[in-house]
Amino acid sequence: MSDSDLIVLRNVAKAYRRGEETISIFADLNLTIPSGDFVAMMGPSGSGKTTLLNLLGGLDRPTSGTILFDGAPIEKLSENKLSAWRAANIGFIFQFYNLMPTMSAARNVELPLLLTPLSTADRKRRVKTALEIVGLENRAGHKPKELSGGQQQRVAIARAIVSDPKLILADEPTGDLDRTTAVEILEMLQLLNRELGKTIVMVTHDPAAAKYARRELHLDKGTFEERHT
């Protein structure tokens, strides 16, 4: 393992029980993601892309194997420690935004910070900065229904970066957007990667979206095939 490696998966297996049956998603997965990388994860439905994203984000645990983040294993952390680790290190972006409909854009962005010891003033400063980065500082008081789909995804990106995480996990972030808006979101992810140094893992089914990443990983039958973009 290199000092520059943010994520290392060693012999990771994931299986689920369905009644008497055991469903294996992958059996011996190995992966290294350096800090500052931007990876597009592709593969057929059922290949385990979202499962892998959940493992990287500490939302799920492997059946066996080790997941190292900054050199430390995360799979054996208690639920409380895992929640704290996730809040400090991971930003999530989803296909359908997952915004709270009754809250303003600013309040939605602030939500991850409520798990931190930051003061109200510090939280407001961070929210302002995150909304400025995504170009929505003038929409801070608007609720999701008052925003376009692209603007809602920008709010979701601001929420993902507001805690200054080391890793951003994006699950089909452009899947619900038209092509023009999708390009805007992909360019924003590229900017977060190149200008702010954020490490990004993006699951996508869209080859055009994958081209915005630094490299493509195709997951199929429990193994990776790498293609540089």
Protein backbone atom coordinates (compact mmCIF):
# COMPACT_ATOMS: atom_id res chain seq x y z
CA MET A 1 0.00 0.00 0.00
CA SER A 2 1.30 3.45 -0.97
CA ASP A 3 1.00 6.57 1.20
CA SER A 4 -1.04 8.10 -1.63
CA ASP A 5 -3.65 5.33 -1.59
CA LEU A 6 -6.91 6.48 -0.04
CA ILE A 7 -8.81 3.20 -0.45
CA VAL A 8 -7.54 -0.37 -0.62
CA LEU A 9 -9.83 -3.41 -0.84
CA ARG A 10 -8.20 -6.73 -0.02
CA ASN A 11 -9.97 -9.99 -0.84
CA VAL A 12 -13.39 -8.45 -0.19
CA ALA A 13 -16.40 -10.74 -0.42
CA LYS A 14 -20.07 -9.81 -0.09
CA ALA A 15 -22.96 -12.24 0.06
CA TYR A 16 -26.59 -12.02 1.15
CA ARG A 17 -28.90 -14.64 2.58
CA ARG A 18 -32.25 -15.11 0.87
CA GLY A 19 -34.11 -17.80 2.77
CA GLU A 20 -31.97 -20.92 2.55
CA GLU A 21 -30.00 -19.51 -0.38
CA THR A 22 -26.74 -17.53 -0.24
CA ILE A 23 -26.39 -14.94 -3.02
CA SER A 24 -22.75 -14.04 -3.72
CA ILE A 25 -22.24 -10.52 -5.13
CA PHE A 26 -18.47 -10.83 -5.33
CA ALA A 27 -16.06 -13.30 -3.76
CA ASP A 28 -12.51 -11.92 -3.94
CA LEU A 29 -12.47 -8.26 -4.90
CA ASN A 30 -9.22 -6.27 -4.83
CA LEU A 31 -9.05 -2.56 -5.62
CA THR A 32 -6.79 0.42 -5.01
CA ILE A 33 -7.95 4.04 -5.37
CA PRO A 34 -5.27 6.71 -4.91
CA SER A 35 -6.11 9.99 -3.25
CA GLY A 36 -7.26 12.51 -5.89
CA ASP A 37 -8.55 9.84 -8.28
CA PHE A 38 -11.86 10.10 -10.16
CA VAL A 39 -13.19 6.63 -10.96
CA ALA A 40 -16.25 5.80 -13.06
CA MET A 41 -17.66 2.45 -12.02
CA MET A 42 -19.59 0.65 -14.76
CA GLY A 43 -21.05 -2.80 -15.26
CA PRO A 44 -24.27 -4.68 -15.95
CA SER A 45 -27.25 -4.59 -13.56
CA GLY A 46 -26.64 -6.90 -10.63
CA SER A 47 -22.86 -6.77 -10.93
CA GLY A 48 -22.54 -5.17 -7.48
CA LYS A 49 -21.75 -1.53 -8.31
CA THR A 50 -24.10 -0.01 -5.73
CA THR A 51 -23.16 -2.69 -3.20
CA LEU A 52 -19.52 -1.69 -3.63
CA LEU A 53 -20.40 1.99 -3.19
CA ASN A 54 -22.22 1.12 0.04
CA LEU A 55 -19.16 -0.78 1.28
CA LEU A 56 -16.84 2.14 0.47
CA GLY A 57 -19.14 4.52 2.32
CA GLY A 58 -19.51 2.38 5.40
CA LEU A 59 -23.23 1.86 4.79
CA ASP A 60 -22.66 -1.89 4.56
CA ARG A 61 -19.99 -4.31 5.75
CA PRO A 62 -18.17 -6.98 3.75
CA THR A 63 -18.85 -10.65 4.47
CA SER A 64 -15.07 -11.09 4.58
CA GLY A 65 -11.93 -9.22 3.57
CA THR A 66 -10.59 -5.81 4.51
CA ILE A 67 -11.40 -2.25 3.44
CA LEU A 68 -8.60 0.18 4.28
CA PHE A 69 -9.28 3.92 4.28
CA ASP A 70 -6.17 6.06 4.77
CA GLY A 71 -4.43 2.89 5.95
CA ALA A 72 -6.98 2.00 8.64
CA PRO A 73 -9.56 -0.82 8.37
CA ILE A 74 -13.16 0.40 8.60
CA GLU A 75 -15.12 -2.86 8.52
CA LYS A 76 -14.64 -3.59 12.22
CA LEU A 77 -15.62 -0.16 13.55
CA SER A 78 -18.61 -0.06 15.90
CA GLU A 79 -21.81 1.49 14.50
CA ASN A 80 -21.20 4.72 16.45
CA LYS A 81 -17.60 5.02 15.30
CA LEU A 82 -18.59 4.14 11.75
CA SER A 83 -21.25 6.89 11.75
CA ALA A 84 -18.69 9.43 12.99
CA TRP A 85 -16.15 8.24 10.40
CA ARG A 86 -18.74 8.54 7.63
CA ALA A 87 -19.76 12.05 8.69
CA ALA A 88 -16.12 13.18 8.67
CA ASN A 89 -14.90 11.48 5.50
CA ILE A 90 -17.70 10.68 3.03
CA GLY A 91 -19.98 12.81 0.87
CA PHE A 92 -22.90 11.09 -0.88
CA ILE A 93 -24.64 12.14 -4.12
CA PHE A 94 -27.71 10.18 -5.24
CA GLN A 95 -29.67 9.93 -8.48
CA PHE A 96 -32.85 11.37 -6.98
CA TYR A 97 -31.20 14.08 -4.82
CA ASN A 98 -32.72 12.91 -1.48
CA LEU A 99 -33.42 16.49 -0.37
CA MET A 100 -35.82 17.31 2.48
CA PRO A 101 -38.80 18.94 0.71
CA THR A 102 -39.80 21.21 3.60
CA MET A 103 -36.31 22.65 4.07
CA SER A 104 -34.54 25.42 2.17
CA ALA A 105 -31.48 24.69 0.06
CA ALA A 106 -29.27 26.09 2.82
CA ARG A 107 -30.87 23.90 5.49
CA ASN A 108 -30.52 20.81 3.29
CA VAL A 109 -26.83 21.55 2.78
CA GLU A 110 -26.36 22.10 6.52
CA LEU A 111 -27.76 18.70 7.52
CA PRO A 112 -24.45 16.75 7.57
CA LEU A 113 -22.92 19.44 9.78
CA LEU A 114 -25.49 18.85 12.51
CA LEU A 115 -23.51 15.71 13.37
CA THR A 116 -20.37 17.78 14.03
CA PRO A 117 -19.35 20.01 16.97
CA LEU A 118 -19.22 23.11 14.71
CA SER A 119 -20.85 26.28 16.00
CA THR A 120 -23.90 27.74 14.27
CA ALA A 121 -21.75 30.52 12.78
CA ASP A 122 -19.20 28.02 11.43
CA ARG A 123 -21.97 25.89 9.94
CA LYS A 124 -23.48 28.91 8.18
CA ARG A 125 -20.06 29.87 6.76
CA ARG A 126 -19.51 26.39 5.40
CA VAL A 127 -23.00 26.27 3.87
CA LYS A 128 -22.44 29.64 2.17
CA THR A 129 -19.11 28.45 0.73
CA ALA A 130 -20.56 25.15 -0.52
CA LEU A 131 -23.48 26.91 -2.23
CA GLU A 132 -21.06 29.40 -3.82
CA ILE A 133 -18.96 26.52 -5.21
CA VAL A 134 -22.02 25.05 -6.96
CA GLY A 135 -23.26 28.49 -8.10
CA LEU A 136 -26.43 28.56 -6.01
CA GLU A 137 -25.67 31.20 -3.39
CA ASN A 138 -28.69 33.20 -4.64
CA ARG A 139 -31.00 30.19 -4.17
CA ALA A 140 -30.15 29.50 -0.51
CA GLY A 141 -33.68 30.23 0.70
CA HIS A 142 -35.49 28.23 -1.98
CA LYS A 143 -37.10 24.86 -1.24
CA PRO A 144 -36.49 21.89 -3.57
CA LYS A 145 -39.84 22.24 -5.37
CA GLU A 146 -38.80 25.80 -6.33
CA LEU A 147 -35.64 24.52 -8.03
CA SER A 148 -35.03 22.68 -11.31
CA GLY A 149 -33.71 19.12 -11.31
CA GLY A 150 -30.21 20.36 -12.10
CA GLN A 151 -30.36 22.93 -9.30
CA GLN A 152 -31.56 20.27 -6.87
CA GLN A 153 -28.60 18.07 -7.80
CA ARG A 154 -26.29 21.06 -7.26
CA VAL A 155 -27.77 21.42 -3.77
CA ALA A 156 -27.08 17.71 -3.25
CA ILE A 157 -23.47 18.24 -4.36
CA ALA A 158 -23.14 21.19 -1.98
CA ARG A 159 -24.47 18.97 0.81
CA ALA A 160 -21.91 16.29 -0.15
CA ILE A 161 -18.94 18.68 0.04
CA VAL A 162 -19.98 20.90 2.97
CA SER A 163 -18.11 18.79 5.53
CA ASP A 164 -14.97 18.80 3.33
CA PRO A 165 -14.93 14.98 2.93
CA LYS A 166 -11.97 13.06 1.52
CA LEU A 167 -14.20 10.86 -0.63
CA ILE A 168 -17.32 11.64 -2.69
CA LEU A 169 -19.51 8.70 -3.69
CA ALA A 170 -21.95 9.40 -6.52
CA ASP A 171 -24.60 6.82 -7.49
CA GLU A 172 -25.95 7.59 -11.00
CA PRO A 173 -25.75 11.36 -10.30
CA THR A 174 -26.96 12.30 -13.80
CA GLY A 175 -29.48 9.49 -14.29
CA ASP A 176 -32.51 11.76 -13.76
CA LEU A 177 -31.23 14.74 -15.77
CA ASP A 178 -31.38 15.84 -19.40
CA ARG A 179 -28.11 15.73 -21.34
CA THR A 180 -27.29 19.46 -21.07
CA THR A 181 -27.87 19.52 -17.32
CA ALA A 182 -26.01 16.23 -16.93
CA VAL A 183 -22.94 17.74 -18.59
CA GLU A 184 -23.07 20.69 -16.17
CA ILE A 185 -23.13 18.30 -13.19
CA LEU A 186 -20.31 16.16 -14.62
CA GLU A 187 -18.19 19.26 -15.24
CA MET A 188 -18.81 20.27 -11.64
CA LEU A 189 -17.62 16.87 -10.40
CA GLN A 190 -14.57 17.23 -12.61
CA LEU A 191 -13.88 20.65 -11.07
CA LEU A 192 -14.21 19.24 -7.54
CA ASN A 193 -11.69 16.57 -8.50
CA ARG A 194 -9.16 18.71 -10.37
CA GLU A 195 -9.38 22.01 -8.51
CA LEU A 196 -10.25 20.87 -4.97
CA GLY A 197 -8.53 17.47 -5.10
CA LYS A 198 -11.60 15.49 -4.11
CA THR A 199 -11.44 11.73 -4.63
CA ILE A 200 -14.60 10.63 -6.44
CA VAL A 201 -16.11 7.22 -7.17
CA MET A 202 -19.10 7.48 -9.51
CA VAL A 203 -21.40 4.64 -10.51
CA THR A 204 -22.89 5.23 -13.94
CA HIS A 205 -24.43 3.24 -16.78
CA ASP A 206 -23.69 6.07 -19.25
CA PRO A 207 -20.42 5.74 -21.24
CA ALA A 208 -20.54 9.48 -22.05
CA ALA A 209 -20.65 10.30 -18.31
CA ALA A 210 -17.80 7.89 -17.59
CA LYS A 211 -15.54 9.85 -19.96
CA TYR A 212 -15.43 12.70 -17.42
CA ALA A 213 -13.57 10.48 -14.94
CA ARG A 214 -9.83 9.85 -14.93
CA ARG A 215 -10.38 6.12 -15.38
CA GLU A 216 -13.15 3.58 -15.85
CA LEU A 217 -13.55 0.36 -13.92
CA HIS A 218 -15.92 -2.26 -15.32
CA LEU A 219 -17.26 -4.62 -12.68
CA ASP A 220 -18.57 -7.92 -13.99
CA LYS A 221 -18.71 -11.42 -12.51
CA GLY A 222 -16.92 -10.20 -9.41
CA THR A 223 -13.81 -8.80 -11.11
CA PHE A 224 -12.63 -5.46 -12.47
CA GLU A 225 -11.47 -4.51 -15.91
CA GLU A 226 -9.77 -1.11 -16.03
CA ARG A 227 -9.95 1.34 -18.91
CA HIS A 228 -8.26 4.76 -18.85
CA THR A 229 -10.35 7.64 -20.19
